Amino acid sequence: MANALRGQITITLGEKEFLLKPEFEVLANLENALNKSIYGIITDLTNFKTSKVSDVAMVIFIASGKKVKLNEIGTLLVATGAQQVLAQVLKFLTESVATDEQLKEAQDKIEQSASPENP
């Protein structure tokens, strides 16, 4: 189960769940595998012209601990719909580099918008 307060996210592809954990080794391995900084990865994935399904698959592969082959993740990703998963991957990456204060502010905004007093 994902611990949202620690930036963990569970992504479901088909019948499989992948728990993404924002650990230093994961972030360093992503930067090395994709040959760009985490900020560069986020920038590329948010731009339709530079976003690649293979990058999304690589983030899931590395951040979930490489327990399933990359090709299998890619196949599941295409079957599920890369666009549907992209927002979750971006959330994971963004929260991985955010400060505790930024995360708390974001969580407070979510809670305020979900409150019955703010329909």
C-alpha atoms as a PDB file:
ATOM      1  CA  MET A   1       0.000   0.000   0.000  1.00  0.00           C
ATOM      2  CA  ALA A   2       1.290   3.433  -0.924  1.00  0.00           C
ATOM      3  CA  ASN A   3       2.183   5.938   1.773  1.00  0.00           C
ATOM      4  CA  ALA A   4       1.068   9.212   0.168  1.00  0.00           C
ATOM      5  CA  LEU A   5       2.724  11.261   2.901  1.00  0.00           C
ATOM      6  CA  ARG A   6       6.075   9.845   1.782  1.00  0.00           C
ATOM      7  CA  GLY A   7       5.376  10.444  -1.903  1.00  0.00           C
ATOM      8  CA  GLN A   8       4.671   6.807  -2.681  1.00  0.00           C
ATOM      9  CA  ILE A   9       2.197   6.118  -5.456  1.00  0.00           C
ATOM     10  CA  THR A  10       0.598   2.872  -6.597  1.00  0.00           C
ATOM     11  CA  ILE A  11       0.057   2.607 -10.336  1.00  0.00           C
ATOM     12  CA  THR A  12      -2.162  -0.144 -11.694  1.00  0.00           C
ATOM     13  CA  LEU A  13      -1.448  -1.509 -15.151  1.00  0.00           C
ATOM     14  CA  GLY A  14      -3.851  -4.247 -16.134  1.00  0.00           C
ATOM     15  CA  GLU A  15      -4.009  -6.626 -13.184  1.00  0.00           C
ATOM     16  CA  LYS A  16      -0.614  -5.600 -11.772  1.00  0.00           C
ATOM     17  CA  GLU A  17       0.119  -2.930  -9.203  1.00  0.00           C
ATOM     18  CA  PHE A  18       3.421  -1.082  -9.057  1.00  0.00           C
ATOM     19  CA  LEU A  19       4.435   0.774  -5.901  1.00  0.00           C
ATOM     20  CA  LEU A  20       6.662   3.724  -6.799  1.00  0.00           C
ATOM     21  CA  LYS A  21       8.954   4.877  -3.996  1.00  0.00           C
ATOM     22  CA  PRO A  22      10.789   8.223  -4.098  1.00  0.00           C
ATOM     23  CA  GLU A  23      14.170   7.164  -2.770  1.00  0.00           C
ATOM     24  CA  PHE A  24      17.538   8.728  -3.603  1.00  0.00           C
ATOM     25  CA  GLU A  25      18.776   5.606  -5.379  1.00  0.00           C
ATOM     26  CA  VAL A  26      15.604   5.509  -7.502  1.00  0.00           C
ATOM     27  CA  LEU A  27      15.970   9.156  -8.516  1.00  0.00           C
ATOM     28  CA  ALA A  28      19.680   8.753  -9.295  1.00  0.00           C
ATOM     29  CA  ASN A  29      18.999   5.619 -11.358  1.00  0.00           C
ATOM     30  CA  LEU A  30      16.267   7.443 -13.299  1.00  0.00           C
ATOM     31  CA  GLU A  31      18.588  10.343 -14.063  1.00  0.00           C
ATOM     32  CA  ASN A  32      21.294   7.943 -15.252  1.00  0.00           C
ATOM     33  CA  ALA A  33      18.940   5.746 -17.302  1.00  0.00           C
ATOM     34  CA  LEU A  34      17.282   8.685 -19.078  1.00  0.00           C
ATOM     35  CA  ASN A  35      20.422  10.846 -19.174  1.00  0.00           C
ATOM     36  CA  LYS A  36      18.712  13.924 -17.750  1.00  0.00           C
ATOM     37  CA  SER A  37      17.844  15.434 -14.392  1.00  0.00           C
ATOM     38  CA  ILE A  38      14.556  14.700 -12.643  1.00  0.00           C
ATOM     39  CA  TYR A  39      13.507  18.234 -13.595  1.00  0.00           C
ATOM     40  CA  GLY A  40      14.405  17.458 -17.228  1.00  0.00           C
ATOM     41  CA  ILE A  41      12.352  14.263 -17.103  1.00  0.00           C
ATOM     42  CA  ILE A  42       9.362  16.181 -15.686  1.00  0.00           C
ATOM     43  CA  THR A  43       9.739  18.881 -18.347  1.00  0.00           C
ATOM     44  CA  ASP A  44       9.933  16.335 -21.164  1.00  0.00           C
ATOM     45  CA  LEU A  45       6.937  14.357 -19.909  1.00  0.00           C
ATOM     46  CA  THR A  46       4.764  17.474 -19.564  1.00  0.00           C
ATOM     47  CA  ASN A  47       5.503  18.510 -23.154  1.00  0.00           C
ATOM     48  CA  PHE A  48       3.493  16.558 -25.731  1.00  0.00           C
ATOM     49  CA  LYS A  49       6.284  16.942 -28.306  1.00  0.00           C
ATOM     50  CA  THR A  50       8.995  15.462 -26.082  1.00  0.00           C
ATOM     51  CA  SER A  51       7.089  12.966 -23.926  1.00  0.00           C
ATOM     52  CA  LYS A  52       7.907   9.331 -24.637  1.00  0.00           C
ATOM     53  CA  VAL A  53       6.031   6.216 -23.599  1.00  0.00           C
ATOM     54  CA  SER A  54       9.402   4.544 -23.068  1.00  0.00           C
ATOM     55  CA  ASP A  55      10.293   7.207 -20.462  1.00  0.00           C
ATOM     56  CA  VAL A  56       7.019   6.605 -18.621  1.00  0.00           C
ATOM     57  CA  ALA A  57       7.724   2.851 -18.653  1.00  0.00           C
ATOM     58  CA  MET A  58      11.282   3.444 -17.407  1.00  0.00           C
ATOM     59  CA  VAL A  59      10.050   5.551 -14.472  1.00  0.00           C
ATOM     60  CA  ILE A  60       7.637   2.791 -13.437  1.00  0.00           C
ATOM     61  CA  PHE A  61      10.299   0.095 -13.971  1.00  0.00           C
ATOM     62  CA  ILE A  62      12.989   1.778 -11.877  1.00  0.00           C
ATOM     63  CA  ALA A  63      10.770   3.361  -9.202  1.00  0.00           C
ATOM     64  CA  SER A  64       8.966   0.075  -8.519  1.00  0.00           C
ATOM     65  CA  GLY A  65      12.191  -1.834  -7.949  1.00  0.00           C
ATOM     66  CA  LYS A  66      12.631  -3.568 -11.335  1.00  0.00           C
ATOM     67  CA  LYS A  67      10.517  -6.555 -10.254  1.00  0.00           C
ATOM     68  CA  VAL A  68       8.883  -6.917 -13.681  1.00  0.00           C
ATOM     69  CA  LYS A  69      10.697  -6.771 -17.013  1.00  0.00           C
ATOM     70  CA  LEU A  70      10.694  -3.387 -18.731  1.00  0.00           C
ATOM     71  CA  ASN A  71       9.073  -4.844 -21.864  1.00  0.00           C
ATOM     72  CA  GLU A  72       6.202  -6.236 -19.787  1.00  0.00           C
ATOM     73  CA  ILE A  73       5.651  -2.833 -18.185  1.00  0.00           C
ATOM     74  CA  GLY A  74       5.686  -1.260 -21.649  1.00  0.00           C
ATOM     75  CA  THR A  75       3.105  -3.733 -22.938  1.00  0.00           C
ATOM     76  CA  LEU A  76       0.868  -3.173 -19.904  1.00  0.00           C
ATOM     77  CA  LEU A  77       1.317   0.587 -20.212  1.00  0.00           C
ATOM     78  CA  VAL A  78       0.204   0.629 -23.850  1.00  0.00           C
ATOM     79  CA  ALA A  79      -2.754  -1.662 -23.064  1.00  0.00           C
ATOM     80  CA  THR A  80      -3.822   0.540 -20.139  1.00  0.00           C
ATOM     81  CA  GLY A  81      -3.216   3.812 -21.949  1.00  0.00           C
ATOM     82  CA  ALA A  82      -0.049   5.799 -21.394  1.00  0.00           C
ATOM     83  CA  GLN A  83      -1.968   9.083 -21.169  1.00  0.00           C
ATOM     84  CA  GLN A  84      -4.020   7.728 -18.275  1.00  0.00           C
ATOM     85  CA  VAL A  85      -0.865   6.793 -16.342  1.00  0.00           C
ATOM     86  CA  LEU A  86       1.181   9.865 -17.254  1.00  0.00           C
ATOM     87  CA  ALA A  87      -0.481  12.120 -14.653  1.00  0.00           C
ATOM     88  CA  GLN A  88       0.355   9.647 -11.881  1.00  0.00           C
ATOM     89  CA  VAL A  89       3.975   9.371 -13.010  1.00  0.00           C
ATOM     90  CA  LEU A  90       4.286  13.168 -13.122  1.00  0.00           C
ATOM     91  CA  LYS A  91       2.760  13.434  -9.637  1.00  0.00           C
ATOM     92  CA  PHE A  92       5.301  10.899  -8.361  1.00  0.00           C
ATOM     93  CA  LEU A  93       8.255  12.708  -9.927  1.00  0.00           C
ATOM     94  CA  THR A  94       7.100  16.161  -8.833  1.00  0.00           C
ATOM     95  CA  GLU A  95       6.496  15.071  -5.250  1.00  0.00           C
ATOM     96  CA  SER A  96       9.881  13.326  -5.220  1.00  0.00           C
ATOM     97  CA  VAL A  97      11.669  16.652  -5.519  1.00  0.00           C
ATOM     98  CA  ALA A  98       9.219  18.859  -3.601  1.00  0.00           C
ATOM     99  CA  THR A  99      10.000  20.144  -0.125  1.00  0.00           C
ATOM    100  CA  ASP A 100       7.946  19.023   2.880  1.00  0.00           C
ATOM    101  CA  GLU A 101       6.464  22.529   3.022  1.00  0.00           C
ATOM    102  CA  GLN A 102       5.384  22.381  -0.627  1.00  0.00           C
ATOM    103  CA  LEU A 103       3.806  18.966  -0.084  1.00  0.00           C
ATOM    104  CA  LYS A 104       1.937  20.179   2.998  1.00  0.00           C
ATOM    105  CA  GLU A 105       0.620  23.226   1.128  1.00  0.00           C
ATOM    106  CA  ALA A 106      -0.582  21.013  -1.705  1.00  0.00           C
ATOM    107  CA  GLN A 107      -2.246  18.593   0.726  1.00  0.00           C
ATOM    108  CA  ASP A 108      -3.955  21.494   2.550  1.00  0.00           C
ATOM    109  CA  LYS A 109      -5.343  22.781  -0.773  1.00  0.00           C
ATOM    110  CA  ILE A 110      -6.669  19.337  -1.626  1.00  0.00           C
ATOM    111  CA  GLU A 111      -8.341  19.001   1.775  1.00  0.00           C
ATOM    112  CA  GLN A 112      -9.854  22.509   1.566  1.00  0.00           C
ATOM    113  CA  SER A 113     -11.283  21.860  -1.885  1.00  0.00           C
ATOM    114  CA  ALA A 114     -12.774  18.562  -0.718  1.00  0.00           C
ATOM    115  CA  SER A 115     -14.425  20.053   2.357  1.00  0.00           C
ATOM    116  CA  PRO A 116     -18.257  20.363   2.339  1.00  0.00           C
ATOM    117  CA  GLU A 117     -17.878  24.094   3.025  1.00  0.00           C
ATOM    118  CA  ASN A 118     -16.176  24.505  -0.378  1.00  0.00           C
ATOM    119  CA  PRO A 119     -18.415  22.794  -2.928  1.00  0.00           C
END
